Every structure is written in structure tokens, then in C-alpha cells.
Amino acid sequence: MDATSSSAVVSQLRLSSPSFRNSKSRFFEPLAQLISMLRAPKSKEGYASIGGGSPLRKITDEQANALKLALEAKNKNVSVYVGMRYWYPFTEEAVQQIKKDKITRLVVLPLYPQFSISTTGSSLRVLQNIFREDAYLSRVPVAIIRSWYQREGYVKSMADLIEKELQSFSMPDEVMIFFSAHGVPVSYVEDAGDSYKDQMEDCIFLIMTELKARGINNRHTLAYQSRVGPVQWLQPYTDKVLVELGQKGVKSLLAVPVSFVSEHIETLEEIDMEYKELALESGIENWGRVPALNCTSSFINDLADAVTEALPSAAAITTSTSEEVYSDPVNCFVKLFFGSLLAFILFLSPKILGI
């Protein structure tokens, strides 16, 4: 999100609030609008603290271009499209361009490593509805990469960044590795069967296993950030854990934004400013933060491999049930839909938009 005007922030807050997204009744729309207006000033404040805007769109465009080059290096002639769920370029705009270009097959690649019904799932439902209502699009074979946190390339890329940042501490072996992931309401996991929590814990296990194979045996922990509203979110909460670690005598900590693949307000403001300040106030003396993957070559190359591996299978989106669309990682490509901001804007919304 680059625009931070009151109207822009309020619009995104309203559209991305959980009550608005999950409600089947128009009763919640006025309420979501009111809540959004009340939260907009704080959201604008956050943007102002990182220079007045987010680098998210710029980085995502760079990732899309890098992915296209990586695929071309593998002799794959593709087009890459960027679609956003709640901001420009909207998903609908990207889909219309895809239709205009008369693509023959499509890969949907949300830039969430882990799947959640509130992020990737929500975006896939929108795409499914768009495709079903269009005679041409309904016949286009579509492949969906549901999640990719378990891919070796991603795991090793994360381990590389962590290993490098540990070396910036005077005593690397004593550093606590602190994984901070974006949270979701507990009801999504317990009532709706969302696999996000399990996938996140598995992701941390894979990264730590890779680090241990390199002789790195630091202590680590996982917490969830960006909770809002009166509902219960996944615990433990990042802010509370930071205070507890300081009280327990932890002196060196390396924060790892594990659910984010680009720099944005939740890394640059929430982690780098709010959580760093809280950690230092709580007794932690040495603070570090692993950068987001952004356009790290090993990461981009692994995404290109994921797309290439998707080639064998694809099906018209209307021939699959909703459950199949969400749970079956069908894959294909000739032309590529890069669902980055479509995913990014969802997992950034709780802090960016003050939800």
C-alpha cells in the first residue's frame, strides 16, 4: 500500500476487517466502516513513522519481475500478473488483463508461505467466483499452489538469513531466535479447521532442523503478532512473550518475521519500532531482526521451481469443488498469475489498517 490518505486507509480498513470479510449480512458493513474510521488515524501514524508509505508494492513488482526472469532462465515463456485483494491493482483488474491476453493456462501463486482460510483461502474464493461467472475464464485450466513453506528452497533461504544475522551478535550461540508470525482468530483454527497454526509450527520445525544441521543449536520460540479486537487470537502473543523473555533474563534476541516475504509496515514499524522498544524496556540488551526474503535469489528461484513443477496438472476452476480448490495443490503454467499483493494485503491488514 503506497497511498496513506484518510479515505484510502478507511476504505482498506473497512474491506479487510474480519467482521466485513466473514459476515454474510449487510448489518456489519456500517459497523466495519465506523471501526475503520476510528482506526485510520493510528494506521496513518504508522505509515508516517516509516516515511509516509509502504515499500510493499515496489518490492512485490520487483519480485514479480525477478520471478519472470528466473522462469525465462529455465526456458519458460510466461507472463506474470500482480493482483491485490483490497488495493490497486485489484484482483479483478489482473484477471481482466489475463482474459485480454487470452492466456491458455494459469498458475495462482499467493505469497503466503502458510495456508490460512482467512488469507489464501479468502483470495481463492474470490478468484473462483470471478472465473465461474465468466464463460471464457471458466474454461481456463487453473493450477493453485496452496502453500509452499515446506519447500527446501524456502527453508534454506530462511536459514541462510538467520545464520547471517546471528553473526552480527558478539556471542551468536547465546541469542534467542524469536519467530513472530501474523496471528489469526482462534475460532478459525478450532471451529473452521484452519491449518494455519499447524503449518506455522511445522515451518518453524523445518527451519530449526536445517539450522541444527549447520551446527546452530540456539534456543527458539514462536509467538503471534497483530491481534486486534475483543476476540481471542492465536497465542502466545508477541508483545507478552517479549516481556516474559526479558524478565527471565534473555539478553540477546533475533526477531524472525516468519510469515512475511517482503518488508512492509508490520516489519518496519511493528517489529523494528514497537517490539524493539518493548524488548529493550523489558531487559533485552541486544536486538536484531532478520530481513524479509524480498528478492533473495534462492527464494525467487525456488518459487520458479514451484511453478515449473506445477506444469503437469491443471483443471478448469468450475470443474473443482470449493474444497478441492483450497486443499488440492493442483499446478500448471503457460501464463502465470502472481497473487502476491492479493495475499500480502490480507496478512498485512491487521497492522497496516489498524484492524
Protein backbone atom coordinates (compact mmCIF):
# COMPACT_ATOMS: atom_id res chain seq x y z
CA MET A 1 0.00 0.00 0.00
CA ASP A 2 1.55 3.31 -1.09
CA ALA A 3 -1.38 5.62 -0.52
CA THR A 4 -1.98 6.72 3.07
CA SER A 5 -4.76 9.28 2.71
CA SER A 6 -7.61 9.05 5.20
CA SER A 7 -10.02 7.84 2.54
CA ALA A 8 -7.59 5.20 1.28
CA VAL A 9 -6.85 3.87 4.73
CA VAL A 10 -10.52 3.86 5.77
CA SER A 11 -11.51 2.07 2.56
CA GLN A 12 -9.00 -0.72 3.10
CA LEU A 13 -9.79 -0.98 6.80
CA ARG A 14 -13.45 -1.46 6.03
CA LEU A 15 -12.92 -4.02 3.29
CA SER A 16 -10.38 -6.06 5.19
CA SER A 17 -11.88 -6.07 8.66
CA PRO A 18 -12.72 -9.60 9.85
CA SER A 19 -16.34 -8.66 10.53
CA PHE A 20 -16.76 -7.36 6.98
CA ARG A 21 -14.95 -10.27 5.32
CA ASN A 22 -16.64 -13.03 7.25
CA SER A 23 -20.13 -11.62 7.54
CA LYS A 24 -22.95 -12.73 5.27
CA SER A 25 -25.11 -9.85 6.42
CA ARG A 26 -25.05 -6.20 5.39
CA PHE A 27 -25.63 -5.33 9.04
CA PHE A 28 -21.90 -5.46 9.60
CA GLU A 29 -20.94 -3.06 6.81
CA PRO A 30 -21.83 0.19 8.66
CA LEU A 31 -20.13 -1.18 11.79
CA ALA A 32 -16.99 -2.05 9.84
CA GLN A 33 -16.99 1.44 8.32
CA LEU A 34 -17.25 3.07 11.75
CA ILE A 35 -14.48 0.93 13.23
CA SER A 36 -12.30 1.66 10.22
CA MET A 37 -12.73 5.42 10.59
CA LEU A 38 -11.74 5.23 14.26
CA ARG A 39 -8.62 3.21 13.46
CA ALA A 40 -7.49 5.17 10.41
CA PRO A 41 -5.55 7.85 12.36
CA LYS A 42 -3.37 5.23 14.07
CA SER A 43 -2.77 3.49 10.76
CA LYS A 44 -1.69 6.76 9.15
CA GLU A 45 0.59 7.35 12.12
CA GLY A 46 2.27 4.03 11.49
CA TYR A 47 2.85 4.85 7.84
CA ALA A 48 4.24 8.25 8.75
CA SER A 49 6.78 6.60 11.05
CA ILE A 50 8.25 4.59 8.14
CA GLY A 51 8.44 7.50 5.73
CA GLY A 52 4.82 8.04 4.71
CA GLY A 53 4.20 4.88 2.73
CA SER A 54 4.90 1.17 2.44
CA PRO A 55 7.54 -0.32 0.11
CA LEU A 56 5.27 -3.34 -0.33
CA ARG A 57 4.05 -2.61 -3.85
CA LYS A 58 7.52 -1.75 -5.13
CA ILE A 59 9.05 -4.90 -3.65
CA THR A 60 6.24 -7.07 -4.99
CA ASP A 61 6.70 -5.71 -8.50
CA GLU A 62 10.41 -6.45 -8.17
CA GLN A 63 9.61 -9.99 -7.02
CA ALA A 64 7.29 -10.48 -9.98
CA ASN A 65 9.96 -9.27 -12.40
CA ALA A 66 12.59 -11.45 -10.74
CA LEU A 67 10.30 -14.47 -10.95
CA LYS A 68 9.70 -13.87 -14.64
CA LEU A 69 13.46 -13.72 -15.26
CA ALA A 70 14.03 -16.88 -13.22
CA LEU A 71 11.41 -18.73 -15.24
CA GLU A 72 12.83 -17.47 -18.51
CA ALA A 73 16.22 -18.80 -17.40
CA LYS A 74 14.51 -22.19 -17.20
CA ASN A 75 13.27 -21.74 -20.78
CA LYS A 76 9.71 -20.97 -19.69
CA ASN A 77 7.98 -18.23 -21.65
CA VAL A 78 5.48 -16.74 -19.22
CA SER A 79 3.63 -13.57 -18.34
CA VAL A 80 3.45 -12.54 -14.69
CA TYR A 81 0.47 -10.63 -13.31
CA VAL A 82 0.14 -8.94 -9.92
CA GLY A 83 -3.27 -8.91 -8.25
CA MET A 84 -4.32 -7.35 -4.95
CA ARG A 85 -7.28 -8.29 -2.80
CA TYR A 86 -8.09 -4.87 -1.32
CA TRP A 87 -5.99 -2.31 -3.18
CA TYR A 88 -4.65 -1.46 -6.60
CA PRO A 89 -4.15 -3.37 -8.78
CA PHE A 90 -7.26 -5.22 -7.70
CA THR A 91 -7.63 -8.92 -8.40
CA GLU A 92 -10.41 -8.14 -10.87
CA GLU A 93 -8.07 -5.87 -12.86
CA ALA A 94 -5.41 -8.56 -13.08
CA VAL A 95 -7.98 -11.14 -14.16
CA GLN A 96 -9.31 -8.85 -16.88
CA GLN A 97 -5.78 -8.40 -18.23
CA ILE A 98 -5.31 -12.16 -18.14
CA LYS A 99 -8.50 -12.53 -20.16
CA LYS A 100 -7.46 -9.80 -22.58
CA ASP A 101 -4.14 -11.56 -23.16
CA LYS A 102 -6.06 -14.77 -23.96
CA ILE A 103 -3.97 -17.00 -21.76
CA THR A 104 -4.34 -20.74 -22.12
CA ARG A 105 -3.36 -21.89 -18.64
CA LEU A 106 -2.88 -20.22 -15.29
CA VAL A 107 -0.97 -20.67 -12.04
CA VAL A 108 -2.18 -18.94 -8.88
CA LEU A 109 0.72 -18.27 -6.53
CA PRO A 110 -0.28 -16.49 -3.29
CA LEU A 111 2.75 -15.13 -1.48
CA TYR A 112 1.80 -16.65 1.82
CA PRO A 113 4.16 -19.50 2.72
CA GLN A 114 1.50 -20.99 5.01
CA PHE A 115 -2.15 -21.50 4.08
CA SER A 116 -4.99 -19.90 6.04
CA ILE A 117 -8.67 -19.71 5.21
CA SER A 118 -8.52 -16.00 6.08
CA THR A 119 -5.77 -15.20 3.59
CA THR A 120 -5.11 -17.59 0.72
CA GLY A 121 -8.49 -19.25 1.19
CA SER A 122 -10.36 -15.95 1.03
CA SER A 123 -8.49 -14.91 -2.09
CA LEU A 124 -9.14 -18.23 -3.81
CA ARG A 125 -12.86 -17.90 -3.15
CA VAL A 126 -12.85 -14.51 -4.88
CA LEU A 127 -10.99 -15.91 -7.88
CA GLN A 128 -13.28 -18.90 -8.07
CA ASN A 129 -16.35 -16.66 -8.15
CA ILE A 130 -14.85 -14.43 -10.84
CA PHE A 131 -13.96 -17.40 -13.03
CA ARG A 132 -17.29 -19.15 -12.60
CA GLU A 133 -19.20 -16.08 -13.77
CA ASP A 134 -17.19 -15.71 -16.99
CA ALA A 135 -17.72 -18.10 -19.92
CA TYR A 136 -14.14 -17.77 -21.16
CA LEU A 137 -12.37 -17.87 -17.81
CA SER A 138 -14.44 -20.80 -16.60
CA ARG A 139 -12.76 -22.97 -19.24
CA VAL A 140 -9.19 -21.88 -18.49
CA PRO A 141 -7.19 -24.61 -16.72
CA VAL A 142 -6.06 -23.23 -13.36
CA ALA A 143 -3.37 -24.51 -11.02
CA ILE A 144 -3.15 -23.42 -7.39
CA ILE A 145 -0.04 -23.57 -5.25
CA ARG A 146 -1.78 -23.78 -1.91
CA SER A 147 1.25 -23.40 0.38
CA TRP A 148 4.98 -23.69 0.00
CA TYR A 149 6.54 -23.25 3.46
CA GLN A 150 7.74 -26.87 3.32
CA ARG A 151 9.82 -26.38 0.17
CA GLU A 152 13.53 -26.97 0.63
CA GLY A 153 14.44 -23.76 -1.18
CA TYR A 154 12.28 -21.63 1.11
CA VAL A 155 13.51 -23.36 4.27
CA LYS A 156 17.16 -22.98 3.28
CA SER A 157 16.65 -19.34 2.27
CA MET A 158 15.21 -18.58 5.70
CA ALA A 159 18.03 -20.48 7.41
CA ASP A 160 20.60 -18.53 5.37
CA LEU A 161 19.18 -15.20 6.55
CA ILE A 162 19.04 -16.32 10.18
CA GLU A 163 22.58 -17.72 10.11
CA LYS A 164 23.91 -14.48 8.64
CA GLU A 165 22.17 -12.25 11.19
CA LEU A 166 23.35 -14.37 14.11
CA GLN A 167 26.92 -13.47 13.18
CA SER A 168 26.21 -9.81 13.94
CA PHE A 169 25.99 -10.65 17.66
CA SER A 170 29.14 -10.81 19.79
CA MET A 171 28.03 -14.19 21.20
CA PRO A 172 25.87 -15.83 18.49
CA ASP A 173 25.32 -19.07 20.44
CA GLU A 174 23.52 -17.20 23.23
CA VAL A 175 20.96 -15.50 21.00
CA MET A 176 17.30 -16.46 21.34
CA ILE A 177 15.73 -16.93 17.89
CA PHE A 178 12.30 -15.32 18.12
CA PHE A 179 9.87 -16.28 15.35
CA SER A 180 6.99 -13.80 15.11
CA ALA A 181 4.08 -14.76 12.85
CA HIS A 182 0.91 -12.95 11.97
CA GLY A 183 -1.94 -14.22 14.11
CA VAL A 184 -5.46 -15.32 13.22
CA PRO A 185 -8.53 -15.65 15.47
CA VAL A 186 -8.60 -18.88 17.46
CA SER A 187 -12.08 -19.61 16.09
CA TYR A 188 -10.62 -20.01 12.60
CA VAL A 189 -8.47 -22.88 13.85
CA GLU A 190 -10.78 -24.51 16.39
CA ASP A 191 -14.15 -24.01 14.69
CA ALA A 192 -13.34 -23.73 10.99
CA GLY A 193 -10.46 -26.21 10.88
CA ASP A 194 -7.87 -23.74 9.59
CA SER A 195 -4.49 -25.47 9.17
CA TYR A 196 -2.51 -22.24 9.67
CA LYS A 197 -1.29 -22.96 13.21
CA ASP A 198 -0.16 -26.49 12.37
CA GLN A 199 1.60 -25.30 9.22
CA MET A 200 3.33 -22.48 11.08
CA GLU A 201 4.63 -24.84 13.76
CA ASP A 202 5.78 -27.28 11.08
CA CYS A 203 7.51 -24.43 9.27
CA ILE A 204 9.47 -23.47 12.39
CA PHE A 205 10.44 -27.12 12.93
CA LEU A 206 11.80 -27.38 9.37
CA ILE A 207 13.81 -24.17 9.65
CA MET A 208 15.29 -25.15 13.02
CA THR A 209 16.11 -28.62 11.70
CA GLU A 210 18.03 -27.00 8.85
CA LEU A 211 19.87 -24.72 11.28
CA LYS A 212 20.78 -27.65 13.53
CA ALA A 213 22.21 -29.47 10.51
CA ARG A 214 24.54 -26.48 10.20
CA GLY A 215 25.60 -26.73 13.84
CA ILE A 216 23.32 -23.92 15.02
CA ASN A 217 21.53 -25.03 18.18
CA ASN A 218 20.15 -21.78 19.57
CA ARG A 219 17.03 -21.70 21.67
CA HIS A 220 13.95 -20.54 19.81
CA THR A 221 10.32 -19.66 20.36
CA LEU A 222 7.23 -18.78 18.31
CA ALA A 223 4.69 -16.06 19.05
CA TYR A 224 1.88 -14.33 17.14
CA GLN A 225 1.58 -10.61 16.48
CA SER A 226 -1.03 -8.09 15.31
CA ARG A 227 -4.04 -9.22 17.33
CA VAL A 228 -6.97 -6.80 17.42
CA GLY A 229 -10.49 -6.61 18.72
CA PRO A 230 -12.22 -8.45 21.55
CA VAL A 231 -11.89 -11.96 20.08
CA GLN A 232 -9.18 -14.38 21.13
CA TRP A 233 -6.28 -14.77 18.70
CA LEU A 234 -3.60 -17.43 18.48
CA GLN A 235 -1.26 -17.37 21.44
CA PRO A 236 1.30 -16.76 22.78
CA TYR A 237 1.23 -13.07 21.85
CA THR A 238 4.45 -11.47 20.65
CA ASP A 239 4.34 -8.46 22.96
CA LYS A 240 3.68 -10.55 26.06
CA VAL A 241 6.39 -13.08 25.23
CA LEU A 242 8.97 -10.31 24.75
CA VAL A 243 8.25 -9.01 28.24
CA GLU A 244 8.44 -12.52 29.70
CA LEU A 245 11.76 -13.25 27.98
CA GLY A 246 13.24 -10.05 29.35
CA GLN A 247 12.05 -10.93 32.84
CA LYS A 248 13.60 -14.39 32.51
CA GLY A 249 17.00 -12.90 31.76
CA VAL A 250 17.24 -13.27 27.99
CA LYS A 251 19.77 -10.66 26.87
CA SER A 252 20.13 -11.27 23.12
CA LEU A 253 17.25 -11.81 20.73
CA LEU A 254 16.93 -12.19 16.96
CA ALA A 255 13.44 -11.50 15.62
CA VAL A 256 12.37 -13.51 12.57
CA PRO A 257 9.22 -12.31 10.71
CA VAL A 258 8.36 -15.80 9.53
CA SER A 259 5.03 -15.22 7.77
CA PHE A 260 6.17 -12.22 5.73
CA VAL A 261 8.18 -12.34 2.50
CA SER A 262 8.61 -8.60 1.96
CA GLU A 263 9.34 -5.53 4.04
CA HIS A 264 6.22 -3.58 4.99
CA ILE A 265 4.63 -1.84 7.93
CA GLU A 266 4.50 -4.94 10.13
CA THR A 267 8.25 -5.45 9.84
CA LEU A 268 9.40 -1.84 9.57
CA GLU A 269 7.10 -0.31 12.19
CA GLU A 270 5.56 -3.00 14.37
CA ILE A 271 8.66 -5.19 14.77
CA ASP A 272 11.51 -2.72 14.19
CA MET A 273 10.00 0.04 16.32
CA GLU A 274 7.25 -1.13 18.66
CA TYR A 275 8.58 -4.57 19.55
CA LYS A 276 12.21 -3.48 19.65
CA GLU A 277 11.36 -0.71 22.09
CA LEU A 278 9.31 -3.10 24.22
CA ALA A 279 12.11 -5.68 24.23
CA LEU A 280 14.74 -3.17 25.33
CA GLU A 281 12.45 -1.82 28.03
CA SER A 282 11.92 -5.39 29.27
CA GLY A 283 15.62 -6.09 29.83
CA ILE A 284 16.75 -7.47 26.48
CA GLU A 285 20.02 -5.72 25.65
CA ASN A 286 20.95 -6.95 22.18
CA TRP A 287 18.30 -6.85 19.46
CA GLY A 288 18.46 -7.99 15.87
CA ARG A 289 15.96 -8.66 13.12
CA VAL A 290 16.19 -10.97 10.12
CA PRO A 291 15.25 -9.12 6.91
CA ALA A 292 12.34 -10.30 4.81
CA LEU A 293 13.16 -12.54 1.86
CA ASN A 294 12.26 -9.83 -0.66
CA CYS A 295 14.13 -10.73 -3.89
CA THR A 296 16.67 -13.11 -2.38
CA SER A 297 17.82 -15.15 -5.37
CA SER A 298 17.48 -18.57 -3.72
CA PHE A 299 13.92 -17.70 -2.68
CA ILE A 300 12.89 -16.47 -6.13
CA ASN A 301 14.50 -19.48 -7.80
CA ASP A 302 12.55 -21.79 -5.52
CA LEU A 303 9.30 -20.06 -6.45
CA ALA A 304 10.24 -20.55 -10.10
CA ASP A 305 10.82 -24.24 -9.40
CA ALA A 306 7.42 -24.45 -7.70
CA VAL A 307 5.76 -23.02 -10.78
CA THR A 308 7.71 -25.34 -13.09
CA GLU A 309 6.75 -28.35 -11.00
CA ALA A 310 3.14 -27.23 -11.28
CA LEU A 311 3.12 -27.89 -15.03
CA PRO A 312 1.68 -31.45 -15.10
CA SER A 313 -1.75 -30.70 -13.69
CA ALA A 314 -4.42 -28.08 -14.17
CA ALA A 315 -8.21 -28.06 -14.33
CA ALA A 316 -10.94 -25.59 -15.14
CA ILE A 317 -11.84 -23.93 -11.87
CA THR A 318 -15.54 -24.69 -12.31
CA THR A 319 -14.86 -28.41 -12.52
CA SER A 320 -13.49 -28.50 -8.99
CA THR A 321 -15.44 -28.16 -5.78
CA SER A 322 -14.53 -25.37 -3.38
CA GLU A 323 -12.88 -27.87 -1.07
CA GLU A 324 -10.75 -29.21 -3.91
CA VAL A 325 -9.69 -25.71 -4.88
CA TYR A 326 -8.50 -24.97 -1.35
CA SER A 327 -6.98 -28.30 -0.40
CA ASP A 328 -5.53 -29.76 -3.57
CA PRO A 329 -2.28 -28.16 -4.77
CA VAL A 330 -3.01 -28.56 -8.46
CA ASN A 331 -0.39 -26.84 -10.54
CA CYS A 332 0.21 -25.76 -14.12
CA PHE A 333 1.53 -22.91 -16.20
CA VAL A 334 1.97 -21.24 -19.52
CA LYS A 335 0.96 -17.80 -18.39
CA LEU A 336 1.41 -17.02 -14.72
CA PHE A 337 -0.83 -15.21 -12.27
CA PHE A 338 1.30 -13.93 -9.41
CA GLY A 339 -1.07 -13.48 -6.46
CA SER A 340 1.33 -11.56 -4.26
CA LEU A 341 -0.43 -8.42 -3.17
CA LEU A 342 -3.63 -10.40 -3.23
CA ALA A 343 -2.08 -12.31 -0.38
CA PHE A 344 0.10 -9.57 1.08
CA ILE A 345 -2.67 -7.12 1.68
CA LEU A 346 -4.50 -9.73 3.72
CA PHE A 347 -1.72 -10.66 6.04
CA LEU A 348 -0.67 -7.03 6.41
CA SER A 349 -4.13 -5.67 7.08
CA PRO A 350 -4.31 -6.14 10.86
CA LYS A 351 -1.49 -3.67 11.44
CA ILE A 352 -1.41 -1.64 8.25
CA LEU A 353 -5.04 -0.90 8.51
CA GLY A 354 -5.41 -0.94 12.26
CA ILE A 355 -7.83 -3.83 12.40
